[in-house]
Amino acid sequence: MSLLSASEVIQFAVRIEENGFNFYNTFSEKLKSEEEKEIFRFLADEESKHVKTFEAMLKSVEKYESPTSYPDEYFAYLQAYADNLIFTKDKLDREVARINSSKEACDFGIRRELDSILYYQEIKPFVPEKERDHIDTIITEERKHFLTLSDFKKKL
């Protein structure tokens, strides 16, 4: 039995990427080195590209309608869940205040990318089989970002 649609998961992905953009963009403003600022601007731009990629995917899937009698509340619950999964406003504020170097910021970003990959892998069985290729696409994009962060960390 499918509990989620690809549409829902893609909407989660958009929200998670928006939160990631906020982290990298905010952190880029905290750095002193122009070279390091540029790295984190690039990472923010990558998150922004993911948002566009996932929004385009969203247009290609059937829109999900919640079977509950309170679809707006259900969707709000799912969005709050996505907000608390990877990059939350509170987590962002705490991490930006705590992180003192680009290497620490990369480590934080790497952990969040791995968390999101694991999340999508765990949630995939709950999506109808015919829609799982969309989840695979999201996972592939997240893996690319993980590799990008890992490469940047080696250069720091």
C-alpha atoms as a PDB file:
ATOM      1  CA  MET A   1       0.000   0.000   0.000  1.00  0.00           C
ATOM      2  CA  SER A   2       1.304   3.411  -0.953  1.00  0.00           C
ATOM      3  CA  LEU A   3       1.120   6.028   1.725  1.00  0.00           C
ATOM      4  CA  LEU A   4       2.680   8.918  -0.168  1.00  0.00           C
ATOM      5  CA  SER A   5       2.667  10.180  -3.718  1.00  0.00           C
ATOM      6  CA  ALA A   6       5.681  11.343  -5.672  1.00  0.00           C
ATOM      7  CA  SER A   7       4.028  14.763  -5.681  1.00  0.00           C
ATOM      8  CA  GLU A   8       4.198  14.942  -1.890  1.00  0.00           C
ATOM      9  CA  VAL A   9       7.811  13.818  -1.742  1.00  0.00           C
ATOM     10  CA  ILE A  10       8.819  16.276  -4.460  1.00  0.00           C
ATOM     11  CA  GLN A  11       7.115  19.061  -2.517  1.00  0.00           C
ATOM     12  CA  PHE A  12       9.150  17.977   0.541  1.00  0.00           C
ATOM     13  CA  ALA A  13      12.275  18.085  -1.635  1.00  0.00           C
ATOM     14  CA  VAL A  14      11.525  21.632  -2.780  1.00  0.00           C
ATOM     15  CA  ARG A  15      11.091  22.780   0.818  1.00  0.00           C
ATOM     16  CA  ILE A  16      14.278  21.045   1.966  1.00  0.00           C
ATOM     17  CA  GLU A  17      16.261  22.613  -0.881  1.00  0.00           C
ATOM     18  CA  GLU A  18      14.873  26.070  -0.066  1.00  0.00           C
ATOM     19  CA  ASN A  19      16.035  25.603   3.518  1.00  0.00           C
ATOM     20  CA  GLY A  20      19.448  24.455   2.266  1.00  0.00           C
ATOM     21  CA  PHE A  21      19.696  27.552   0.086  1.00  0.00           C
ATOM     22  CA  ASN A  22      19.040  29.700   3.149  1.00  0.00           C
ATOM     23  CA  PHE A  23      21.817  27.960   5.094  1.00  0.00           C
ATOM     24  CA  TYR A  24      24.478  28.288   2.402  1.00  0.00           C
ATOM     25  CA  ASN A  25      23.470  31.827   1.504  1.00  0.00           C
ATOM     26  CA  THR A  26      23.440  32.975   5.133  1.00  0.00           C
ATOM     27  CA  PHE A  27      26.764  31.311   5.849  1.00  0.00           C
ATOM     28  CA  SER A  28      28.377  32.831   2.749  1.00  0.00           C
ATOM     29  CA  GLU A  29      27.662  36.248   4.237  1.00  0.00           C
ATOM     30  CA  LYS A  30      29.449  35.308   7.481  1.00  0.00           C
ATOM     31  CA  LEU A  31      32.765  34.396   5.853  1.00  0.00           C
ATOM     32  CA  LYS A  32      35.661  36.814   5.473  1.00  0.00           C
ATOM     33  CA  SER A  33      37.585  35.169   2.637  1.00  0.00           C
ATOM     34  CA  GLU A  34      36.190  36.057  -0.782  1.00  0.00           C
ATOM     35  CA  GLU A  35      37.218  32.629  -2.109  1.00  0.00           C
ATOM     36  CA  GLU A  36      35.283  30.833   0.652  1.00  0.00           C
ATOM     37  CA  LYS A  37      32.310  33.164   0.212  1.00  0.00           C
ATOM     38  CA  GLU A  38      32.271  32.196  -3.453  1.00  0.00           C
ATOM     39  CA  ILE A  39      32.194  28.484  -2.582  1.00  0.00           C
ATOM     40  CA  PHE A  40      29.147  28.934  -0.386  1.00  0.00           C
ATOM     41  CA  ARG A  41      27.436  31.182  -2.911  1.00  0.00           C
ATOM     42  CA  PHE A  42      27.980  28.363  -5.407  1.00  0.00           C
ATOM     43  CA  LEU A  43      26.445  25.868  -2.958  1.00  0.00           C
ATOM     44  CA  ALA A  44      23.454  28.170  -2.445  1.00  0.00           C
ATOM     45  CA  ASP A  45      23.107  28.415  -6.222  1.00  0.00           C
ATOM     46  CA  GLU A  46      23.188  24.606  -6.463  1.00  0.00           C
ATOM     47  CA  GLU A  47      20.331  24.395  -3.949  1.00  0.00           C
ATOM     48  CA  SER A  48      18.418  26.960  -5.991  1.00  0.00           C
ATOM     49  CA  LYS A  49      18.957  24.838  -9.127  1.00  0.00           C
ATOM     50  CA  HIS A  50      17.644  21.803  -7.247  1.00  0.00           C
ATOM     51  CA  VAL A  51      14.518  23.776  -6.357  1.00  0.00           C
ATOM     52  CA  LYS A  52      13.936  24.531 -10.046  1.00  0.00           C
ATOM     53  CA  THR A  53      14.661  20.934 -11.061  1.00  0.00           C
ATOM     54  CA  PHE A  54      12.252  19.556  -8.480  1.00  0.00           C
ATOM     55  CA  GLU A  55       9.567  22.128  -9.310  1.00  0.00           C
ATOM     56  CA  ALA A  56       9.789  21.056 -12.965  1.00  0.00           C
ATOM     57  CA  MET A  57       9.442  17.424 -11.857  1.00  0.00           C
ATOM     58  CA  LEU A  58       6.417  18.406  -9.794  1.00  0.00           C
ATOM     59  CA  LYS A  59       4.684  19.707 -12.919  1.00  0.00           C
ATOM     60  CA  SER A  60       5.165  16.330 -14.585  1.00  0.00           C
ATOM     61  CA  VAL A  61       3.478  14.246 -11.881  1.00  0.00           C
ATOM     62  CA  GLU A  62      -0.134  13.900 -10.947  1.00  0.00           C
ATOM     63  CA  LYS A  63      -1.138  16.387  -8.285  1.00  0.00           C
ATOM     64  CA  TYR A  64      -1.775  14.662  -4.997  1.00  0.00           C
ATOM     65  CA  GLU A  65      -5.029  15.237  -3.177  1.00  0.00           C
ATOM     66  CA  SER A  66      -5.111  14.178   0.451  1.00  0.00           C
ATOM     67  CA  PRO A  67      -7.788  11.585   1.224  1.00  0.00           C
ATOM     68  CA  THR A  68      -8.405  13.190   4.610  1.00  0.00           C
ATOM     69  CA  SER A  69     -11.221  15.598   5.309  1.00  0.00           C
ATOM     70  CA  TYR A  70      -8.646  18.246   6.280  1.00  0.00           C
ATOM     71  CA  PRO A  71      -6.248  18.374   3.314  1.00  0.00           C
ATOM     72  CA  ASP A  72      -4.828  21.805   4.199  1.00  0.00           C
ATOM     73  CA  GLU A  73      -3.983  20.661   7.726  1.00  0.00           C
ATOM     74  CA  TYR A  74      -2.517  17.412   6.399  1.00  0.00           C
ATOM     75  CA  PHE A  75      -0.323  19.257   3.920  1.00  0.00           C
ATOM     76  CA  ALA A  76       0.752  21.761   6.601  1.00  0.00           C
ATOM     77  CA  TYR A  77       1.769  18.810   8.768  1.00  0.00           C
ATOM     78  CA  LEU A  78       3.848  17.302   5.941  1.00  0.00           C
ATOM     79  CA  GLN A  79       5.525  20.643   5.204  1.00  0.00           C
ATOM     80  CA  ALA A  80       6.386  21.092   8.888  1.00  0.00           C
ATOM     81  CA  TYR A  81       7.865  17.602   8.843  1.00  0.00           C
ATOM     82  CA  ALA A  82      10.036  18.498   5.850  1.00  0.00           C
ATOM     83  CA  ASP A  83      11.094  21.742   7.534  1.00  0.00           C
ATOM     84  CA  ASN A  84      12.267  19.828  10.578  1.00  0.00           C
ATOM     85  CA  LEU A  85      14.008  17.081   8.649  1.00  0.00           C
ATOM     86  CA  ILE A  86      17.155  18.656   7.271  1.00  0.00           C
ATOM     87  CA  PHE A  87      17.483  22.443   7.482  1.00  0.00           C
ATOM     88  CA  THR A  88      15.196  24.179   9.962  1.00  0.00           C
ATOM     89  CA  LYS A  89      15.235  27.875  10.821  1.00  0.00           C
ATOM     90  CA  ASP A  90      16.323  27.100  14.387  1.00  0.00           C
ATOM     91  CA  LYS A  91      19.001  24.655  13.210  1.00  0.00           C
ATOM     92  CA  LEU A  92      20.181  27.220  10.685  1.00  0.00           C
ATOM     93  CA  ASP A  93      20.474  29.956  13.318  1.00  0.00           C
ATOM     94  CA  ARG A  94      22.276  27.668  15.794  1.00  0.00           C
ATOM     95  CA  GLU A  95      24.676  26.325  13.186  1.00  0.00           C
ATOM     96  CA  VAL A  96      25.536  29.686  11.661  1.00  0.00           C
ATOM     97  CA  ALA A  97      26.293  30.980  15.170  1.00  0.00           C
ATOM     98  CA  ARG A  98      28.324  27.889  16.094  1.00  0.00           C
ATOM     99  CA  ILE A  99      30.259  27.353  12.876  1.00  0.00           C
ATOM    100  CA  ASN A 100      33.519  29.263  12.676  1.00  0.00           C
ATOM    101  CA  SER A 101      35.065  27.911   9.496  1.00  0.00           C
ATOM    102  CA  SER A 102      34.227  26.837   5.990  1.00  0.00           C
ATOM    103  CA  LYS A 103      35.329  23.308   6.856  1.00  0.00           C
ATOM    104  CA  GLU A 104      32.779  23.144   9.687  1.00  0.00           C
ATOM    105  CA  ALA A 105      30.104  24.488   7.359  1.00  0.00           C
ATOM    106  CA  CYS A 106      31.003  21.833   4.771  1.00  0.00           C
ATOM    107  CA  ASP A 107      30.786  19.143   7.455  1.00  0.00           C
ATOM    108  CA  PHE A 108      27.335  20.406   8.438  1.00  0.00           C
ATOM    109  CA  GLY A 109      26.221  20.490   4.805  1.00  0.00           C
ATOM    110  CA  ILE A 110      27.594  16.993   4.162  1.00  0.00           C
ATOM    111  CA  ARG A 111      25.656  15.629   7.151  1.00  0.00           C
ATOM    112  CA  ARG A 112      22.465  17.298   5.927  1.00  0.00           C
ATOM    113  CA  GLU A 113      22.922  15.928   2.401  1.00  0.00           C
ATOM    114  CA  LEU A 114      23.472  12.427   3.791  1.00  0.00           C
ATOM    115  CA  ASP A 115      20.404  12.835   6.016  1.00  0.00           C
ATOM    116  CA  SER A 116      18.312  13.805   3.014  1.00  0.00           C
ATOM    117  CA  ILE A 117      19.624  10.876   0.929  1.00  0.00           C
ATOM    118  CA  LEU A 118      18.731   8.474   3.728  1.00  0.00           C
ATOM    119  CA  TYR A 119      15.312  10.101   4.117  1.00  0.00           C
ATOM    120  CA  TYR A 120      14.479   9.663   0.423  1.00  0.00           C
ATOM    121  CA  GLN A 121      15.736   6.088   0.432  1.00  0.00           C
ATOM    122  CA  GLU A 122      13.568   5.315   3.460  1.00  0.00           C
ATOM    123  CA  ILE A 123      10.470   7.009   2.075  1.00  0.00           C
ATOM    124  CA  LYS A 124      10.751   5.521  -1.433  1.00  0.00           C
ATOM    125  CA  PRO A 125       8.961   2.217  -0.595  1.00  0.00           C
ATOM    126  CA  PHE A 126       5.921   4.236   0.514  1.00  0.00           C
ATOM    127  CA  VAL A 127       5.524   5.832  -2.918  1.00  0.00           C
ATOM    128  CA  PRO A 128       3.683   3.954  -5.698  1.00  0.00           C
ATOM    129  CA  GLU A 129       6.135   1.865  -7.701  1.00  0.00           C
ATOM    130  CA  LYS A 130       5.333   3.663 -10.953  1.00  0.00           C
ATOM    131  CA  GLU A 131       6.390   6.990  -9.357  1.00  0.00           C
ATOM    132  CA  ARG A 132       9.640   5.845  -7.708  1.00  0.00           C
ATOM    133  CA  ASP A 133      11.807   7.007 -10.590  1.00  0.00           C
ATOM    134  CA  HIS A 134      11.123  10.581  -9.432  1.00  0.00           C
ATOM    135  CA  ILE A 135      12.476   9.713  -5.996  1.00  0.00           C
ATOM    136  CA  ASP A 136      15.548   8.148  -7.629  1.00  0.00           C
ATOM    137  CA  THR A 137      16.124  11.420  -9.499  1.00  0.00           C
ATOM    138  CA  ILE A 138      16.006  13.364  -6.229  1.00  0.00           C
ATOM    139  CA  ILE A 139      18.452  10.933  -4.611  1.00  0.00           C
ATOM    140  CA  THR A 140      20.815  11.296  -7.575  1.00  0.00           C
ATOM    141  CA  GLU A 141      20.752  15.089  -7.256  1.00  0.00           C
ATOM    142  CA  GLU A 142      21.424  14.882  -3.516  1.00  0.00           C
ATOM    143  CA  ARG A 143      24.359  12.532  -4.108  1.00  0.00           C
ATOM    144  CA  LYS A 144      25.838  15.027  -6.577  1.00  0.00           C
ATOM    145  CA  HIS A 145      25.591  17.749  -3.970  1.00  0.00           C
ATOM    146  CA  PHE A 146      27.201  15.487  -1.369  1.00  0.00           C
ATOM    147  CA  LEU A 147      30.119  14.890  -3.760  1.00  0.00           C
ATOM    148  CA  THR A 148      30.408  18.609  -4.512  1.00  0.00           C
ATOM    149  CA  LEU A 149      30.620  19.396  -0.806  1.00  0.00           C
ATOM    150  CA  SER A 150      33.147  16.625  -0.230  1.00  0.00           C
ATOM    151  CA  ASP A 151      35.339  17.972  -3.044  1.00  0.00           C
ATOM    152  CA  PHE A 152      35.119  21.520  -1.668  1.00  0.00           C
ATOM    153  CA  LYS A 153      36.049  20.305   1.791  1.00  0.00           C
ATOM    154  CA  LYS A 154      39.237  18.695   0.403  1.00  0.00           C
ATOM    155  CA  LYS A 155      40.265  22.063  -1.058  1.00  0.00           C
ATOM    156  CA  LEU A 156      39.832  23.975   2.185  1.00  0.00           C
END
